[in-house]
Amino acid sequence: QIYGAITPDAARAGLELFAEHTDDARANPGKHPNVDRLLQLVEEGRTLRVKHVFFA
């Protein structure tokens, strides 16, 4: 983990990784839900915290 949360900067980095799907996601909302989430975080300037839960 580089960012510790999905910050707008982390979301931008994720969009770079999924660059081939980003334009398609913008044109077809819902087709790429993970990319949609990253776009939303960037557009709204929000951070998504994720907590890992491990089971034994």
PDB file of N, CA and C in Angstrom:
ATOM      1  N   GLN A   1       0.834  -1.178   0.000  1.00  0.00           N
ATOM      2  CA  GLN A   1       0.000   0.000   0.000  1.00  0.00           C
ATOM      3  C   GLN A   1       0.873   1.234   0.000  1.00  0.00           C
ATOM      4  N   ILE A   2       0.574   2.104  -0.894  1.00  0.00           N
ATOM      5  CA  ILE A   2       1.337   3.345  -0.992  1.00  0.00           C
ATOM      6  C   ILE A   2       0.629   4.469  -0.265  1.00  0.00           C
ATOM      7  N   TYR A   3      -0.681   4.521  -0.368  1.00  0.00           N
ATOM      8  CA  TYR A   3      -1.434   5.671   0.123  1.00  0.00           C
ATOM      9  C   TYR A   3      -2.117   5.443   1.470  1.00  0.00           C
ATOM     10  N   GLY A   4      -2.425   4.211   1.854  1.00  0.00           N
ATOM     11  CA  GLY A   4      -3.096   3.945   3.122  1.00  0.00           C
ATOM     12  C   GLY A   4      -4.598   4.124   3.054  1.00  0.00           C
ATOM     13  N   ALA A   5      -5.078   4.748   2.008  1.00  0.00           N
ATOM     14  CA  ALA A   5      -6.501   4.955   1.751  1.00  0.00           C
ATOM     15  C   ALA A   5      -6.610   5.309   0.274  1.00  0.00           C
ATOM     16  N   ILE A   6      -7.820   5.304  -0.234  1.00  0.00           N
ATOM     17  CA  ILE A   6      -7.993   5.713  -1.623  1.00  0.00           C
ATOM     18  C   ILE A   6      -8.312   7.205  -1.620  1.00  0.00           C
ATOM     19  N   THR A   7      -7.254   7.991  -1.678  1.00  0.00           N
ATOM     20  CA  THR A   7      -7.353   9.449  -1.715  1.00  0.00           C
ATOM     21  C   THR A   7      -7.583   9.876  -3.165  1.00  0.00           C
ATOM     22  N   PRO A   8      -7.889  11.134  -3.392  1.00  0.00           N
ATOM     23  CA  PRO A   8      -7.989  11.579  -4.785  1.00  0.00           C
ATOM     24  C   PRO A   8      -6.699  11.313  -5.580  1.00  0.00           C
ATOM     25  N   ASP A   9      -5.537  11.482  -4.942  1.00  0.00           N
ATOM     26  CA  ASP A   9      -4.271  11.183  -5.633  1.00  0.00           C
ATOM     27  C   ASP A   9      -4.145   9.696  -5.947  1.00  0.00           C
ATOM     28  N   ALA A  10      -4.532   8.856  -4.990  1.00  0.00           N
ATOM     29  CA  ALA A  10      -4.491   7.409  -5.220  1.00  0.00           C
ATOM     30  C   ALA A  10      -5.476   7.023  -6.318  1.00  0.00           C
ATOM     31  N   ALA A  11      -6.639   7.661  -6.331  1.00  0.00           N
ATOM     32  CA  ALA A  11      -7.634   7.378  -7.366  1.00  0.00           C
ATOM     33  C   ALA A  11      -7.101   7.765  -8.744  1.00  0.00           C
ATOM     34  N   ARG A  12      -6.411   8.909  -8.833  1.00  0.00           N
ATOM     35  CA  ARG A  12      -5.803   9.312 -10.106  1.00  0.00           C
ATOM     36  C   ARG A  12      -4.779   8.270 -10.568  1.00  0.00           C
ATOM     37  N   ALA A  13      -3.988   7.760  -9.628  1.00  0.00           N
ATOM     38  CA  ALA A  13      -3.003   6.724  -9.967  1.00  0.00           C
ATOM     39  C   ALA A  13      -3.714   5.469 -10.461  1.00  0.00           C
ATOM     40  N   GLY A  14      -4.824   5.119  -9.816  1.00  0.00           N
ATOM     41  CA  GLY A  14      -5.609   3.964 -10.257  1.00  0.00           C
ATOM     42  C   GLY A  14      -6.175   4.169 -11.649  1.00  0.00           C
ATOM     43  N   LEU A  15      -6.634   5.380 -11.935  1.00  0.00           N
ATOM     44  CA  LEU A  15      -7.158   5.669 -13.269  1.00  0.00           C
ATOM     45  C   LEU A  15      -6.066   5.564 -14.325  1.00  0.00           C
ATOM     46  N   GLU A  16      -4.840   5.892 -13.958  1.00  0.00           N
ATOM     47  CA  GLU A  16      -3.725   5.709 -14.896  1.00  0.00           C
ATOM     48  C   GLU A  16      -3.513   4.226 -15.180  1.00  0.00           C
ATOM     49  N   LEU A  17      -3.650   3.388 -14.148  1.00  0.00           N
ATOM     50  CA  LEU A  17      -3.494   1.945 -14.342  1.00  0.00           C
ATOM     51  C   LEU A  17      -4.594   1.372 -15.230  1.00  0.00           C
ATOM     52  N   PHE A  18      -5.799   1.920 -15.109  1.00  0.00           N
ATOM     53  CA  PHE A  18      -6.947   1.452 -15.886  1.00  0.00           C
ATOM     54  C   PHE A  18      -7.237   2.381 -17.064  1.00  0.00           C
ATOM     55  N   ALA A  19      -6.217   3.047 -17.572  1.00  0.00           N
ATOM     56  CA  ALA A  19      -6.394   4.083 -18.594  1.00  0.00           C
ATOM     57  C   ALA A  19      -7.201   3.603 -19.795  1.00  0.00           C
ATOM     58  N   GLU A  20      -7.019   2.358 -20.195  1.00  0.00           N
ATOM     59  CA  GLU A  20      -7.722   1.861 -21.381  1.00  0.00           C
ATOM     60  C   GLU A  20      -9.229   1.748 -21.149  1.00  0.00           C
ATOM     61  N   HIS A  21      -9.666   1.768 -19.883  1.00  0.00           N
ATOM     62  CA  HIS A  21     -11.095   1.660 -19.571  1.00  0.00           C
ATOM     63  C   HIS A  21     -11.717   2.986 -19.138  1.00  0.00           C
ATOM     64  N   THR A  22     -10.903   3.986 -18.852  1.00  0.00           N
ATOM     65  CA  THR A  22     -11.411   5.230 -18.273  1.00  0.00           C
ATOM     66  C   THR A  22     -12.365   5.962 -19.211  1.00  0.00           C
ATOM     67  N   ASP A  23     -12.004   6.128 -20.474  1.00  0.00           N
ATOM     68  CA  ASP A  23     -12.892   6.819 -21.417  1.00  0.00           C
ATOM     69  C   ASP A  23     -14.188   6.043 -21.612  1.00  0.00           C
ATOM     70  N   ASP A  24     -14.081   4.714 -21.689  1.00  0.00           N
ATOM     71  CA  ASP A  24     -15.275   3.881 -21.841  1.00  0.00           C
ATOM     72  C   ASP A  24     -16.167   3.992 -20.607  1.00  0.00           C
ATOM     73  N   ALA A  25     -15.566   4.065 -19.432  1.00  0.00           N
ATOM     74  CA  ALA A  25     -16.342   4.210 -18.197  1.00  0.00           C
ATOM     75  C   ALA A  25     -17.070   5.548 -18.165  1.00  0.00           C
ATOM     76  N   ARG A  26     -16.418   6.592 -18.633  1.00  0.00           N
ATOM     77  CA  ARG A  26     -17.076   7.912 -18.686  1.00  0.00           C
ATOM     78  C   ARG A  26     -18.255   7.900 -19.658  1.00  0.00           C
ATOM     79  N   ALA A  27     -18.088   7.208 -20.788  1.00  0.00           N
ATOM     80  CA  ALA A  27     -19.137   7.156 -21.811  1.00  0.00           C
ATOM     81  C   ALA A  27     -20.264   6.197 -21.442  1.00  0.00           C
ATOM     82  N   ASN A  28     -19.968   5.210 -20.594  1.00  0.00           N
ATOM     83  CA  ASN A  28     -20.942   4.172 -20.247  1.00  0.00           C
ATOM     84  C   ASN A  28     -20.961   3.944 -18.740  1.00  0.00           C
ATOM     85  N   PRO A  29     -21.549   4.867 -17.979  1.00  0.00           N
ATOM     86  CA  PRO A  29     -21.585   4.706 -16.518  1.00  0.00           C
ATOM     87  C   PRO A  29     -22.185   3.355 -16.121  1.00  0.00           C
ATOM     88  N   GLY A  30     -21.529   2.704 -15.171  1.00  0.00           N
ATOM     89  CA  GLY A  30     -21.985   1.402 -14.691  1.00  0.00           C
ATOM     90  C   GLY A  30     -21.299   0.229 -15.361  1.00  0.00           C
ATOM     91  N   LYS A  31     -20.683   0.445 -16.503  1.00  0.00           N
ATOM     92  CA  LYS A  31     -20.006  -0.640 -17.219  1.00  0.00           C
ATOM     93  C   LYS A  31     -18.725  -1.068 -16.514  1.00  0.00           C
ATOM     94  N   HIS A  32     -18.047  -0.119 -15.880  1.00  0.00           N
ATOM     95  CA  HIS A  32     -16.802  -0.381 -15.154  1.00  0.00           C
ATOM     96  C   HIS A  32     -16.949   0.201 -13.745  1.00  0.00           C
ATOM     97  N   PRO A  33     -17.623  -0.500 -12.838  1.00  0.00           N
ATOM     98  CA  PRO A  33     -17.940   0.085 -11.526  1.00  0.00           C
ATOM     99  C   PRO A  33     -16.719   0.497 -10.704  1.00  0.00           C
ATOM    100  N   ASN A  34     -15.632  -0.227 -10.809  1.00  0.00           N
ATOM    101  CA  ASN A  34     -14.438   0.161 -10.048  1.00  0.00           C
ATOM    102  C   ASN A  34     -13.850   1.465 -10.577  1.00  0.00           C
ATOM    103  N   VAL A  35     -13.849   1.624 -11.884  1.00  0.00           N
ATOM    104  CA  VAL A  35     -13.365   2.869 -12.477  1.00  0.00           C
ATOM    105  C   VAL A  35     -14.333   4.000 -12.141  1.00  0.00           C
ATOM    106  N   ASP A  36     -15.639   3.705 -12.154  1.00  0.00           N
ATOM    107  CA  ASP A  36     -16.639   4.713 -11.774  1.00  0.00           C
ATOM    108  C   ASP A  36     -16.358   5.243 -10.374  1.00  0.00           C
ATOM    109  N   ARG A  37     -16.027   4.345  -9.462  1.00  0.00           N
ATOM    110  CA  ARG A  37     -15.745   4.758  -8.079  1.00  0.00           C
ATOM    111  C   ARG A  37     -14.520   5.669  -8.028  1.00  0.00           C
ATOM    112  N   LEU A  38     -13.471   5.310  -8.758  1.00  0.00           N
ATOM    113  CA  LEU A  38     -12.268   6.150  -8.783  1.00  0.00           C
ATOM    114  C   LEU A  38     -12.571   7.526  -9.370  1.00  0.00           C
ATOM    115  N   LEU A  39     -13.344   7.559 -10.440  1.00  0.00           N
ATOM    116  CA  LEU A  39     -13.724   8.839 -11.039  1.00  0.00           C
ATOM    117  C   LEU A  39     -14.501   9.692 -10.046  1.00  0.00           C
ATOM    118  N   GLN A  40     -15.398   9.070  -9.312  1.00  0.00           N
ATOM    119  CA  GLN A  40     -16.202   9.789  -8.323  1.00  0.00           C
ATOM    120  C   GLN A  40     -15.318  10.375  -7.223  1.00  0.00           C
ATOM    121  N   LEU A  41     -14.357   9.598  -6.740  1.00  0.00           N
ATOM    122  CA  LEU A  41     -13.470  10.090  -5.687  1.00  0.00           C
ATOM    123  C   LEU A  41     -12.660  11.291  -6.162  1.00  0.00           C
ATOM    124  N   VAL A  42     -12.177  11.238  -7.398  1.00  0.00           N
ATOM    125  CA  VAL A  42     -11.411  12.362  -7.947  1.00  0.00           C
ATOM    126  C   VAL A  42     -12.308  13.583  -8.113  1.00  0.00           C
ATOM    127  N   GLU A  43     -13.479  13.386  -8.719  1.00  0.00           N
ATOM    128  CA  GLU A  43     -14.379  14.512  -9.000  1.00  0.00           C
ATOM    129  C   GLU A  43     -14.863  15.192  -7.728  1.00  0.00           C
ATOM    130  N   GLU A  44     -15.122  14.401  -6.677  1.00  0.00           N
ATOM    131  CA  GLU A  44     -15.653  14.955  -5.435  1.00  0.00           C
ATOM    132  C   GLU A  44     -14.561  15.316  -4.433  1.00  0.00           C
ATOM    133  N   GLY A  45     -13.304  14.945  -4.736  1.00  0.00           N
ATOM    134  CA  GLY A  45     -12.204  15.240  -3.823  1.00  0.00           C
ATOM    135  C   GLY A  45     -12.331  14.506  -2.502  1.00  0.00           C
ATOM    136  N   ARG A  46     -12.894  13.312  -2.539  1.00  0.00           N
ATOM    137  CA  ARG A  46     -13.142  12.545  -1.316  1.00  0.00           C
ATOM    138  C   ARG A  46     -12.116  11.431  -1.152  1.00  0.00           C
ATOM    139  N   THR A  47     -12.027  10.915   0.073  1.00  0.00           N
ATOM    140  CA  THR A  47     -11.133   9.809   0.405  1.00  0.00           C
ATOM    141  C   THR A  47     -11.959   8.632   0.888  1.00  0.00           C
ATOM    142  N   LEU A  48     -11.603   7.449   0.429  1.00  0.00           N
ATOM    143  CA  LEU A  48     -12.268   6.226   0.858  1.00  0.00           C
ATOM    144  C   LEU A  48     -11.292   5.441   1.722  1.00  0.00           C
ATOM    145  N   ARG A  49     -11.665   5.252   2.974  1.00  0.00           N
ATOM    146  CA  ARG A  49     -10.831   4.445   3.867  1.00  0.00           C
ATOM    147  C   ARG A  49     -11.294   3.002   3.791  1.00  0.00           C
ATOM    148  N   VAL A  50     -10.337   2.106   3.810  1.00  0.00           N
ATOM    149  CA  VAL A  50     -10.628   0.682   3.738  1.00  0.00           C
ATOM    150  C   VAL A  50      -9.969   0.009   4.922  1.00  0.00           C
ATOM    151  N   LYS A  51     -10.708  -0.838   5.598  1.00  0.00           N
ATOM    152  CA  LYS A  51     -10.158  -1.565   6.738  1.00  0.00           C
ATOM    153  C   LYS A  51     -10.062  -3.037   6.368  1.00  0.00           C
ATOM    154  N   HIS A  52      -8.868  -3.582   6.524  1.00  0.00           N
ATOM    155  CA  HIS A  52      -8.657  -5.004   6.268  1.00  0.00           C
ATOM    156  C   HIS A  52      -9.104  -5.788   7.496  1.00  0.00           C
ATOM    157  N   VAL A  53      -9.860  -6.831   7.276  1.00  0.00           N
ATOM    158  CA  VAL A  53     -10.290  -7.708   8.357  1.00  0.00           C
ATOM    159  C   VAL A  53      -9.781  -9.099   8.012  1.00  0.00           C
ATOM    160  N   PHE A  54      -8.988  -9.662   8.917  1.00  0.00           N
ATOM    161  CA  PHE A  54      -8.410 -10.976   8.687  1.00  0.00           C
ATOM    162  C   PHE A  54      -9.080 -11.995   9.599  1.00  0.00           C
ATOM    163  N   PHE A  55      -9.392 -13.138   9.050  1.00  0.00           N
ATOM    164  CA  PHE A  55      -9.996 -14.217   9.819  1.00  0.00           C
ATOM    165  C   PHE A  55      -9.000 -15.360   9.929  1.00  0.00           C
ATOM    166  N   ALA A  56      -8.977 -15.989  11.078  1.00  0.00           N
ATOM    167  CA  ALA A  56      -8.054 -17.103  11.297  1.00  0.00           C
ATOM    168  C   ALA A  56      -8.676 -18.402  10.873  1.00  0.00           C
TER     169      ALA A  56
END
